[in-house]
Amino acid sequence: MEENTITNCHVDDVLYQINQAEYGAHYIIIYPDLDTLRELYSNYTYKQIEENSEIVLINPFYETTDSVRQVLSEKDNPTINVSKYEKDQALVIADALEEYFGQQPHMYLKRSLTNYTNMGKNGVSVLADMGAYPHKSMYKDLVDYESSLPKSDDSIALKGFCLYHEKDFDKFSDEQKQKLIEHHGKTLKIAEAKPI
């Protein structure tokens, strides 16, 4: 069944769906703010590394790689041993600008995909903030790039989650949004938590 729509969810629902995703999954996740994004990636990262024996690649844009490390280290239950995971190459944190526009684009992804079997891992999960493209006003380039990727590809042990800040996603034209939605298996929008 084709989805081609945006599904509004709470962060727990999104976590459930991405934790259940199979290799080959390619989703859009639209988040309202950094706190919500941090809750998502910190919960997802531990589970994938510890319980599913995966490599997790995080490409932040609206925060530094050091702040991602800090958020992951401060996660209460359970604590993520960031330095150990990075040393073991089970966790790779690389700035989105460097990963997409650096001297060697997609270097960290390529390295992770090459290494996971040698490391005895089951696969690779990528949490990539796509904010670098809107930041550079490269809306068409991003739509073209995303459109070149398959909705899903179960021939490689990769799960790709393209993270869009809500304000960035809203800047795309309706036609561009529809193209992005059509080229992903699911589009999940995290509802902003209501203050208590």
N, C-alpha and C. Protein backbone atom coordinates (compact mmCIF):
# COMPACT_ATOMS: atom_id res chain seq x y z
N MET A 1 0.84 -1.19 0.00
CA MET A 1 0.00 0.00 0.00
C MET A 1 0.89 1.25 0.00
N GLU A 2 0.69 2.13 -0.96
CA GLU A 2 1.45 3.37 -1.05
C GLU A 2 0.98 4.33 0.03
N GLU A 3 1.92 5.00 0.69
CA GLU A 3 1.52 5.92 1.75
C GLU A 3 1.45 7.35 1.26
N ASN A 4 2.45 7.86 0.58
CA ASN A 4 2.47 9.18 -0.04
C ASN A 4 1.75 10.28 0.74
N THR A 5 1.72 10.17 2.04
CA THR A 5 1.13 11.21 2.88
C THR A 5 2.04 11.40 4.09
N ILE A 6 1.76 12.45 4.84
CA ILE A 6 2.49 12.70 6.07
C ILE A 6 1.67 12.14 7.22
N THR A 7 2.28 11.28 8.03
CA THR A 7 1.62 10.72 9.20
C THR A 7 2.06 11.49 10.43
N ASN A 8 1.10 12.10 11.13
CA ASN A 8 1.41 12.83 12.36
C ASN A 8 1.48 11.86 13.53
N CYS A 9 2.55 11.91 14.30
CA CYS A 9 2.77 10.97 15.40
C CYS A 9 3.40 11.68 16.59
N HIS A 10 3.32 11.04 17.74
CA HIS A 10 4.11 11.48 18.89
C HIS A 10 5.48 10.84 18.77
N VAL A 11 6.45 11.38 19.47
CA VAL A 11 7.83 10.89 19.35
C VAL A 11 7.92 9.39 19.67
N ASP A 12 7.14 8.91 20.65
CA ASP A 12 7.16 7.48 20.99
C ASP A 12 6.69 6.62 19.83
N ASP A 13 5.67 7.09 19.10
CA ASP A 13 5.17 6.35 17.94
C ASP A 13 6.22 6.30 16.84
N VAL A 14 6.91 7.43 16.62
CA VAL A 14 7.96 7.47 15.60
C VAL A 14 9.09 6.52 15.99
N LEU A 15 9.49 6.56 17.26
CA LEU A 15 10.52 5.65 17.74
C LEU A 15 10.12 4.19 17.50
N TYR A 16 8.88 3.87 17.80
CA TYR A 16 8.40 2.50 17.58
C TYR A 16 8.54 2.14 16.10
N GLN A 17 8.09 3.02 15.22
CA GLN A 17 8.12 2.72 13.78
C GLN A 17 9.54 2.59 13.25
N ILE A 18 10.45 3.47 13.68
CA ILE A 18 11.81 3.36 13.14
C ILE A 18 12.57 2.18 13.76
N ASN A 19 12.23 1.84 15.02
CA ASN A 19 12.84 0.66 15.62
C ASN A 19 12.37 -0.63 14.94
N GLN A 20 11.18 -0.59 14.35
CA GLN A 20 10.64 -1.75 13.64
C GLN A 20 11.04 -1.78 12.16
N ALA A 21 11.62 -0.70 11.68
CA ALA A 21 11.97 -0.60 10.25
C ALA A 21 12.95 -1.71 9.87
N GLU A 22 12.78 -2.22 8.67
CA GLU A 22 13.66 -3.26 8.16
C GLU A 22 14.75 -2.62 7.31
N TYR A 23 15.82 -3.39 7.06
CA TYR A 23 16.88 -2.88 6.21
C TYR A 23 16.30 -2.54 4.85
N GLY A 24 16.79 -1.44 4.32
CA GLY A 24 16.26 -0.93 3.06
C GLY A 24 15.29 0.22 3.26
N ALA A 25 14.85 0.45 4.51
CA ALA A 25 13.90 1.52 4.80
C ALA A 25 14.54 2.88 4.51
N HIS A 26 13.72 3.79 3.98
CA HIS A 26 14.15 5.17 3.68
C HIS A 26 12.98 6.07 4.04
N TYR A 27 13.05 6.71 5.21
CA TYR A 27 11.95 7.51 5.76
C TYR A 27 12.35 8.98 5.88
N ILE A 28 11.32 9.83 5.87
CA ILE A 28 11.47 11.23 6.28
C ILE A 28 10.90 11.33 7.68
N ILE A 29 11.62 12.03 8.54
CA ILE A 29 11.10 12.36 9.87
C ILE A 29 11.18 13.88 10.01
N ILE A 30 10.03 14.49 10.22
CA ILE A 30 9.94 15.94 10.37
C ILE A 30 9.80 16.22 11.87
N TYR A 31 10.73 17.01 12.41
CA TYR A 31 10.72 17.25 13.85
C TYR A 31 10.47 18.74 14.13
N PRO A 32 9.82 19.05 15.28
CA PRO A 32 9.46 20.44 15.57
C PRO A 32 10.56 21.26 16.25
N ASP A 33 11.47 20.59 16.99
CA ASP A 33 12.48 21.33 17.73
C ASP A 33 13.63 20.39 18.12
N LEU A 34 14.72 20.97 18.59
CA LEU A 34 15.91 20.19 18.93
C LEU A 34 15.68 19.23 20.09
N ASP A 35 14.90 19.63 21.08
CA ASP A 35 14.65 18.74 22.22
C ASP A 35 13.99 17.44 21.75
N THR A 36 13.03 17.58 20.84
CA THR A 36 12.35 16.40 20.31
C THR A 36 13.31 15.54 19.50
N LEU A 37 14.12 16.18 18.68
CA LEU A 37 15.10 15.44 17.89
C LEU A 37 16.07 14.70 18.80
N ARG A 38 16.53 15.35 19.86
CA ARG A 38 17.46 14.72 20.79
C ARG A 38 16.84 13.50 21.47
N GLU A 39 15.59 13.62 21.85
CA GLU A 39 14.89 12.48 22.45
C GLU A 39 14.84 11.32 21.46
N LEU A 40 14.58 11.63 20.21
CA LEU A 40 14.49 10.60 19.17
C LEU A 40 15.84 9.91 18.96
N TYR A 41 16.89 10.68 18.67
CA TYR A 41 18.15 10.01 18.32
C TYR A 41 18.82 9.35 19.52
N SER A 42 18.65 9.90 20.72
CA SER A 42 19.30 9.27 21.87
C SER A 42 18.65 7.92 22.19
N ASN A 43 17.33 7.84 22.12
CA ASN A 43 16.65 6.57 22.37
C ASN A 43 16.94 5.56 21.27
N TYR A 44 16.93 6.02 20.03
CA TYR A 44 17.15 5.11 18.90
C TYR A 44 18.58 4.56 18.89
N THR A 45 19.54 5.41 19.15
CA THR A 45 20.95 5.03 19.04
C THR A 45 21.31 3.87 19.97
N TYR A 46 20.95 3.98 21.23
CA TYR A 46 21.30 2.92 22.17
C TYR A 46 20.70 1.58 21.73
N LYS A 47 19.44 1.59 21.40
CA LYS A 47 18.76 0.33 21.03
C LYS A 47 19.43 -0.31 19.81
N GLN A 48 19.76 0.49 18.82
CA GLN A 48 20.33 -0.09 17.60
C GLN A 48 21.74 -0.63 17.83
N ILE A 49 22.53 0.08 18.62
CA ILE A 49 23.91 -0.38 18.87
C ILE A 49 23.91 -1.60 19.79
N GLU A 50 23.21 -1.50 20.91
CA GLU A 50 23.26 -2.55 21.92
C GLU A 50 22.37 -3.76 21.60
N GLU A 51 21.14 -3.50 21.21
CA GLU A 51 20.20 -4.61 21.03
C GLU A 51 20.19 -5.18 19.62
N ASN A 52 20.46 -4.35 18.62
CA ASN A 52 20.40 -4.82 17.23
C ASN A 52 21.76 -4.95 16.58
N SER A 53 22.81 -4.66 17.32
CA SER A 53 24.19 -4.80 16.84
C SER A 53 24.40 -4.12 15.48
N GLU A 54 24.07 -2.82 15.46
CA GLU A 54 24.24 -2.02 14.25
C GLU A 54 25.28 -0.93 14.46
N ILE A 55 25.75 -0.39 13.36
CA ILE A 55 26.50 0.86 13.37
C ILE A 55 25.47 1.98 13.21
N VAL A 56 25.58 3.02 14.00
CA VAL A 56 24.69 4.17 13.88
C VAL A 56 25.53 5.38 13.46
N LEU A 57 25.12 6.00 12.36
CA LEU A 57 25.74 7.21 11.84
C LEU A 57 24.77 8.36 12.06
N ILE A 58 25.21 9.39 12.78
CA ILE A 58 24.39 10.57 13.03
C ILE A 58 25.05 11.76 12.35
N ASN A 59 24.29 12.45 11.50
CA ASN A 59 24.77 13.65 10.81
C ASN A 59 23.95 14.85 11.30
N PRO A 60 24.41 15.53 12.36
CA PRO A 60 23.67 16.69 12.86
C PRO A 60 23.93 17.93 12.00
N PHE A 61 22.95 18.82 11.98
CA PHE A 61 23.14 20.11 11.33
C PHE A 61 22.90 21.26 12.31
N TYR A 62 21.81 21.20 13.06
CA TYR A 62 21.46 22.31 13.95
C TYR A 62 22.12 22.23 15.32
N GLU A 63 23.01 21.28 15.50
CA GLU A 63 23.83 21.23 16.70
C GLU A 63 25.18 20.67 16.31
N THR A 64 26.15 20.86 17.17
CA THR A 64 27.50 20.41 16.85
C THR A 64 27.63 18.92 17.14
N THR A 65 28.68 18.33 16.60
CA THR A 65 28.94 16.93 16.89
C THR A 65 29.22 16.75 18.39
N ASP A 66 29.88 17.73 19.00
CA ASP A 66 30.14 17.64 20.44
C ASP A 66 28.85 17.70 21.26
N SER A 67 27.90 18.51 20.83
CA SER A 67 26.64 18.56 21.59
C SER A 67 25.87 17.25 21.44
N VAL A 68 25.97 16.59 20.29
CA VAL A 68 25.33 15.28 20.13
C VAL A 68 25.99 14.29 21.09
N ARG A 69 27.31 14.32 21.17
CA ARG A 69 28.03 13.44 22.10
C ARG A 69 27.56 13.69 23.54
N GLN A 70 27.43 14.96 23.89
CA GLN A 70 27.00 15.31 25.24
C GLN A 70 25.58 14.81 25.51
N VAL A 71 24.67 15.01 24.57
CA VAL A 71 23.29 14.54 24.74
C VAL A 71 23.27 13.02 24.92
N LEU A 72 24.02 12.31 24.09
CA LEU A 72 24.04 10.86 24.19
C LEU A 72 24.66 10.40 25.51
N SER A 73 25.67 11.10 25.99
CA SER A 73 26.34 10.74 27.25
C SER A 73 25.46 11.00 28.46
N GLU A 74 24.61 12.01 28.36
CA GLU A 74 23.77 12.39 29.49
C GLU A 74 22.45 11.63 29.53
N LYS A 75 22.18 10.85 28.53
CA LYS A 75 20.93 10.08 28.50
C LYS A 75 20.88 9.22 29.75
N ASP A 76 19.78 9.32 30.49
CA ASP A 76 19.68 8.65 31.79
C ASP A 76 19.68 7.13 31.71
N ASN A 77 18.70 6.59 31.06
CA ASN A 77 18.56 5.14 31.14
C ASN A 77 18.40 4.54 29.77
N PRO A 78 19.32 3.82 29.33
CA PRO A 78 20.66 3.60 29.88
C PRO A 78 21.64 4.62 29.32
N THR A 79 22.74 4.78 30.02
CA THR A 79 23.78 5.70 29.58
C THR A 79 24.49 5.12 28.36
N ILE A 80 24.75 5.95 27.41
CA ILE A 80 25.45 5.53 26.20
C ILE A 80 26.93 5.85 26.37
N ASN A 81 27.77 4.85 26.24
CA ASN A 81 29.22 5.05 26.36
C ASN A 81 29.74 5.54 25.00
N VAL A 82 29.62 6.83 24.78
CA VAL A 82 29.91 7.43 23.48
C VAL A 82 31.35 7.19 23.05
N SER A 83 32.30 7.44 23.94
CA SER A 83 33.71 7.28 23.54
C SER A 83 34.02 5.83 23.17
N LYS A 84 33.48 4.88 23.91
CA LYS A 84 33.70 3.46 23.58
C LYS A 84 33.09 3.12 22.22
N TYR A 85 31.84 3.54 22.02
CA TYR A 85 31.16 3.24 20.75
C TYR A 85 31.87 3.88 19.57
N GLU A 86 32.33 5.13 19.76
CA GLU A 86 33.05 5.79 18.67
C GLU A 86 34.39 5.10 18.39
N LYS A 87 35.09 4.73 19.45
CA LYS A 87 36.37 4.03 19.27
C LYS A 87 36.15 2.71 18.53
N ASP A 88 35.07 2.01 18.87
CA ASP A 88 34.74 0.73 18.22
C ASP A 88 34.12 0.93 16.83
N GLN A 89 33.86 2.18 16.45
CA GLN A 89 33.22 2.55 15.19
C GLN A 89 31.78 2.03 15.07
N ALA A 90 31.15 1.75 16.21
CA ALA A 90 29.73 1.39 16.21
C ALA A 90 28.87 2.66 16.17
N LEU A 91 29.46 3.78 16.56
CA LEU A 91 28.80 5.08 16.53
C LEU A 91 29.70 6.04 15.77
N VAL A 92 29.13 6.68 14.76
CA VAL A 92 29.85 7.66 13.97
C VAL A 92 29.03 8.94 13.99
N ILE A 93 29.63 10.02 14.46
CA ILE A 93 28.95 11.32 14.50
C ILE A 93 29.74 12.26 13.61
N ALA A 94 29.13 12.68 12.50
CA ALA A 94 29.82 13.53 11.53
C ALA A 94 28.90 14.68 11.12
N ASP A 95 29.40 15.88 11.16
CA ASP A 95 28.65 17.07 10.79
C ASP A 95 28.05 16.93 9.39
N ALA A 96 26.79 17.29 9.26
CA ALA A 96 26.07 17.15 7.99
C ALA A 96 26.73 17.94 6.86
N LEU A 97 27.23 19.15 7.17
CA LEU A 97 27.90 19.94 6.12
C LEU A 97 29.12 19.19 5.58
N GLU A 98 29.88 18.59 6.48
CA GLU A 98 31.06 17.83 6.05
C GLU A 98 30.65 16.58 5.28
N GLU A 99 29.62 15.88 5.76
CA GLU A 99 29.20 14.63 5.13
C GLU A 99 28.62 14.86 3.73
N TYR A 100 27.89 15.96 3.55
CA TYR A 100 27.24 16.18 2.26
C TYR A 100 28.00 17.12 1.33
N PHE A 101 28.77 18.05 1.89
CA PHE A 101 29.42 19.05 1.04
C PHE A 101 30.94 19.13 1.25
N GLY A 102 31.49 18.21 2.02
CA GLY A 102 32.93 18.22 2.29
C GLY A 102 33.73 17.72 1.09
N GLN A 103 35.02 17.56 1.31
CA GLN A 103 35.92 17.13 0.23
C GLN A 103 35.58 15.73 -0.28
N GLN A 104 35.09 14.88 0.61
CA GLN A 104 34.72 13.51 0.22
C GLN A 104 33.29 13.24 0.66
N PRO A 105 32.30 13.65 -0.14
CA PRO A 105 30.91 13.47 0.26
C PRO A 105 30.58 12.01 0.56
N HIS A 106 29.79 11.81 1.59
CA HIS A 106 29.31 10.50 2.03
C HIS A 106 30.43 9.57 2.49
N MET A 107 31.57 10.15 2.87
CA MET A 107 32.71 9.35 3.30
C MET A 107 32.36 8.46 4.49
N TYR A 108 31.67 9.01 5.49
CA TYR A 108 31.37 8.25 6.70
C TYR A 108 30.35 7.15 6.42
N LEU A 109 29.39 7.43 5.56
CA LEU A 109 28.42 6.41 5.19
C LEU A 109 29.11 5.28 4.43
N LYS A 110 29.94 5.63 3.46
CA LYS A 110 30.65 4.61 2.69
C LYS A 110 31.52 3.75 3.59
N ARG A 111 32.22 4.40 4.51
CA ARG A 111 33.09 3.65 5.43
C ARG A 111 32.26 2.71 6.30
N SER A 112 31.13 3.19 6.82
CA SER A 112 30.28 2.35 7.67
C SER A 112 29.72 1.16 6.90
N LEU A 113 29.30 1.40 5.67
CA LEU A 113 28.76 0.31 4.85
C LEU A 113 29.84 -0.71 4.50
N THR A 114 31.07 -0.25 4.36
CA THR A 114 32.17 -1.16 4.07
C THR A 114 32.55 -1.97 5.31
N ASN A 115 32.48 -1.34 6.48
CA ASN A 115 32.98 -1.97 7.71
C ASN A 115 32.00 -2.86 8.45
N TYR A 116 30.69 -2.70 8.26
CA TYR A 116 29.77 -3.36 9.19
C TYR A 116 29.91 -4.88 9.19
N THR A 117 30.11 -5.51 8.05
CA THR A 117 30.24 -6.97 8.05
C THR A 117 31.56 -7.40 8.69
N ASN A 118 32.64 -6.66 8.41
CA ASN A 118 33.94 -6.99 9.02
C ASN A 118 33.89 -6.85 10.55
N MET A 119 33.02 -5.97 11.02
CA MET A 119 32.90 -5.74 12.46
C MET A 119 31.90 -6.69 13.11
N GLY A 120 31.26 -7.54 12.31
CA GLY A 120 30.27 -8.47 12.86
C GLY A 120 28.95 -7.80 13.21
N LYS A 121 28.68 -6.66 12.57
CA LYS A 121 27.44 -5.93 12.83
C LYS A 121 26.38 -6.37 11.82
N ASN A 122 25.12 -6.14 12.19
CA ASN A 122 24.00 -6.54 11.33
C ASN A 122 23.72 -5.56 10.20
N GLY A 123 24.10 -4.30 10.38
CA GLY A 123 23.82 -3.29 9.36
C GLY A 123 24.14 -1.90 9.87
N VAL A 124 23.61 -0.91 9.15
CA VAL A 124 23.89 0.49 9.43
C VAL A 124 22.58 1.27 9.48
N SER A 125 22.43 2.13 10.48
CA SER A 125 21.32 3.08 10.55
C SER A 125 21.90 4.48 10.41
N VAL A 126 21.25 5.30 9.59
CA VAL A 126 21.70 6.67 9.38
C VAL A 126 20.59 7.62 9.80
N LEU A 127 20.94 8.55 10.67
CA LEU A 127 20.04 9.63 11.08
C LEU A 127 20.68 10.92 10.55
N ALA A 128 20.20 11.39 9.41
CA ALA A 128 20.84 12.49 8.71
C ALA A 128 19.94 13.73 8.68
N ASP A 129 20.41 14.80 9.33
CA ASP A 129 19.67 16.05 9.29
C ASP A 129 19.94 16.72 7.95
N MET A 130 18.89 16.97 7.20
CA MET A 130 19.01 17.51 5.85
C MET A 130 19.03 19.03 5.82
N GLY A 131 19.13 19.68 6.98
CA GLY A 131 19.10 21.13 7.07
C GLY A 131 20.20 21.85 6.32
N ALA A 132 21.28 21.16 6.00
CA ALA A 132 22.39 21.80 5.28
C ALA A 132 21.94 22.28 3.90
N TYR A 133 21.06 21.55 3.27
CA TYR A 133 20.59 21.93 1.92
C TYR A 133 19.75 23.20 1.97
N PRO A 134 18.70 23.28 2.81
CA PRO A 134 17.95 24.53 2.89
C PRO A 134 18.84 25.69 3.35
N HIS A 135 19.79 25.40 4.24
CA HIS A 135 20.72 26.44 4.71
C HIS A 135 21.47 27.06 3.53
N LYS A 136 21.80 26.25 2.56
CA LYS A 136 22.52 26.74 1.38
C LYS A 136 21.54 27.09 0.24
N SER A 137 20.24 27.16 0.55
CA SER A 137 19.19 27.44 -0.44
C SER A 137 19.26 26.48 -1.62
N MET A 138 19.54 25.23 -1.34
CA MET A 138 19.68 24.20 -2.38
C MET A 138 18.47 23.27 -2.34
N TYR A 139 17.29 23.84 -2.42
CA TYR A 139 16.06 23.06 -2.33
C TYR A 139 15.94 22.08 -3.49
N LYS A 140 16.15 22.57 -4.70
CA LYS A 140 16.04 21.71 -5.88
C LYS A 140 17.09 20.60 -5.83
N ASP A 141 18.31 20.96 -5.42
CA ASP A 141 19.38 19.96 -5.33
C ASP A 141 19.01 18.84 -4.36
N LEU A 142 18.39 19.22 -3.24
CA LEU A 142 18.00 18.22 -2.25
C LEU A 142 16.89 17.33 -2.80
N VAL A 143 15.91 17.92 -3.44
CA VAL A 143 14.82 17.12 -4.03
C VAL A 143 15.39 16.18 -5.08
N ASP A 144 16.31 16.67 -5.92
CA ASP A 144 16.93 15.82 -6.93
C ASP A 144 17.73 14.69 -6.29
N TYR A 145 18.48 15.02 -5.24
CA TYR A 145 19.27 14.00 -4.55
C TYR A 145 18.37 12.93 -3.94
N GLU A 146 17.36 13.38 -3.19
CA GLU A 146 16.43 12.44 -2.54
C GLU A 146 15.70 11.59 -3.59
N SER A 147 15.34 12.22 -4.71
CA SER A 147 14.62 11.51 -5.77
C SER A 147 15.49 10.46 -6.44
N SER A 148 16.81 10.62 -6.35
CA SER A 148 17.72 9.65 -6.97
C SER A 148 17.87 8.39 -6.12
N LEU A 149 17.46 8.47 -4.85
CA LEU A 149 17.57 7.32 -3.96
C LEU A 149 16.30 6.48 -4.01
N PRO A 150 16.42 5.18 -3.85
CA PRO A 150 15.22 4.34 -3.86
C PRO A 150 14.39 4.54 -2.59
N LYS A 151 13.07 4.30 -2.72
CA LYS A 151 12.17 4.35 -1.57
C LYS A 151 12.62 3.34 -0.53
N SER A 152 13.04 2.21 -1.02
CA SER A 152 13.61 1.18 -0.17
C SER A 152 14.53 0.34 -1.03
N ASP A 153 15.50 -0.27 -0.37
CA ASP A 153 16.46 -1.10 -1.08
C ASP A 153 16.94 -2.16 -0.11
N ASP A 154 16.34 -3.34 -0.19
CA ASP A 154 16.69 -4.38 0.77
C ASP A 154 17.93 -5.17 0.35
N SER A 155 18.64 -4.68 -0.69
CA SER A 155 19.87 -5.37 -1.10
C SER A 155 21.06 -4.97 -0.23
N ILE A 156 20.90 -3.89 0.55
CA ILE A 156 21.97 -3.50 1.48
C ILE A 156 21.37 -3.35 2.88
N ALA A 157 22.16 -3.63 3.87
CA ALA A 157 21.71 -3.58 5.26
C ALA A 157 21.81 -2.15 5.79
N LEU A 158 20.96 -1.30 5.23
CA LEU A 158 20.97 0.12 5.57
C LEU A 158 19.55 0.60 5.83
N LYS A 159 19.40 1.39 6.91
CA LYS A 159 18.15 2.08 7.20
C LYS A 159 18.47 3.57 7.20
N GLY A 160 17.78 4.33 6.36
CA GLY A 160 18.06 5.75 6.24
C GLY A 160 16.89 6.59 6.73
N PHE A 161 17.17 7.47 7.67
CA PHE A 161 16.15 8.37 8.22
C PHE A 161 16.59 9.80 7.97
N CYS A 162 15.91 10.44 7.02
CA CYS A 162 16.21 11.82 6.64
C CYS A 162 15.45 12.75 7.57
N LEU A 163 16.17 13.52 8.35
CA LEU A 163 15.59 14.38 9.37
C LEU A 163 15.43 15.80 8.82
N TYR A 164 14.21 16.31 8.92
CA TYR A 164 13.92 17.67 8.46
C TYR A 164 13.32 18.46 9.60
N HIS A 165 13.93 19.60 9.91
CA HIS A 165 13.28 20.52 10.85
C HIS A 165 12.00 21.00 10.16
N GLU A 166 10.94 21.08 10.92
CA GLU A 166 9.63 21.49 10.38
C GLU A 166 9.72 22.80 9.59
N LYS A 167 10.49 23.76 10.09
CA LYS A 167 10.61 25.06 9.41
C LYS A 167 11.31 24.92 8.07
N ASP A 168 12.27 23.99 7.97
CA ASP A 168 12.93 23.74 6.68
C ASP A 168 11.97 23.07 5.71
N PHE A 169 11.26 22.07 6.19
CA PHE A 169 10.35 21.32 5.31
C PHE A 169 9.27 22.25 4.76
N ASP A 170 8.81 23.18 5.59
CA ASP A 170 7.76 24.11 5.17
C ASP A 170 8.22 25.06 4.06
N LYS A 171 9.52 25.22 3.87
CA LYS A 171 10.03 26.12 2.84
C LYS A 171 9.98 25.51 1.43
N PHE A 172 9.79 24.20 1.35
CA PHE A 172 9.70 23.58 0.03
C PHE A 172 8.34 23.90 -0.59
N SER A 173 8.30 23.95 -1.91
CA SER A 173 7.01 24.15 -2.58
C SER A 173 6.18 22.89 -2.38
N ASP A 174 4.86 22.99 -2.62
CA ASP A 174 3.98 21.82 -2.48
C ASP A 174 4.43 20.70 -3.41
N GLU A 175 4.86 21.06 -4.62
CA GLU A 175 5.33 20.05 -5.58
C GLU A 175 6.59 19.37 -5.07
N GLN A 176 7.53 20.15 -4.51
CA GLN A 176 8.77 19.58 -3.98
C GLN A 176 8.47 18.67 -2.78
N LYS A 177 7.56 19.11 -1.90
CA LYS A 177 7.19 18.28 -0.76
C LYS A 177 6.62 16.95 -1.23
N GLN A 178 5.75 17.00 -2.23
CA GLN A 178 5.14 15.76 -2.72
C GLN A 178 6.19 14.83 -3.32
N LYS A 179 7.16 15.39 -4.04
CA LYS A 179 8.24 14.56 -4.60
C LYS A 179 9.04 13.90 -3.49
N LEU A 180 9.35 14.67 -2.45
CA LEU A 180 10.09 14.11 -1.32
C LEU A 180 9.29 12.99 -0.66
N ILE A 181 8.03 13.23 -0.43
CA ILE A 181 7.17 12.22 0.20
C ILE A 181 7.09 10.96 -0.65
N GLU A 182 6.94 11.14 -1.96
CA GLU A 182 6.81 9.99 -2.87
C GLU A 182 8.08 9.15 -2.93
N HIS A 183 9.23 9.74 -2.65
CA HIS A 183 10.49 9.01 -2.76
C HIS A 183 10.98 8.46 -1.42
N HIS A 184 10.09 8.39 -0.47
CA HIS A 184 10.41 7.78 0.82
C HIS A 184 9.31 6.77 1.15
N GLY A 185 9.70 5.73 1.84
CA GLY A 185 8.72 4.71 2.23
C GLY A 185 7.67 5.25 3.17
N LYS A 186 8.09 6.13 4.10
CA LYS A 186 7.17 6.75 5.06
C LYS A 186 7.63 8.18 5.31
N THR A 187 6.66 9.03 5.61
CA THR A 187 6.95 10.39 6.07
C THR A 187 6.23 10.57 7.39
N LEU A 188 7.02 10.73 8.45
CA LEU A 188 6.49 10.83 9.81
C LEU A 188 6.76 12.22 10.36
N LYS A 189 5.72 12.88 10.83
CA LYS A 189 5.88 14.21 11.42
C LYS A 189 5.60 14.11 12.91
N ILE A 190 6.60 14.52 13.69
CA ILE A 190 6.47 14.43 15.14
C ILE A 190 5.66 15.62 15.63
N ALA A 191 4.58 15.34 16.34
CA ALA A 191 3.74 16.40 16.89
C ALA A 191 4.49 17.06 18.04
N GLU A 192 4.36 18.37 18.12
CA GLU A 192 5.00 19.11 19.20
C GLU A 192 4.30 18.73 20.51
N ALA A 193 5.08 18.46 21.53
CA ALA A 193 4.50 18.10 22.83
C ALA A 193 3.78 19.30 23.41
N LYS A 194 2.61 19.05 23.96
CA LYS A 194 1.83 20.13 24.56
C LYS A 194 2.36 20.40 25.98
N PRO A 195 2.55 21.68 26.33
CA PRO A 195 3.03 21.97 27.69
C PRO A 195 2.02 21.52 28.74
N ILE A 196 2.53 21.07 29.88
CA ILE A 196 1.64 20.57 30.94
C ILE A 196 1.18 21.71 31.81
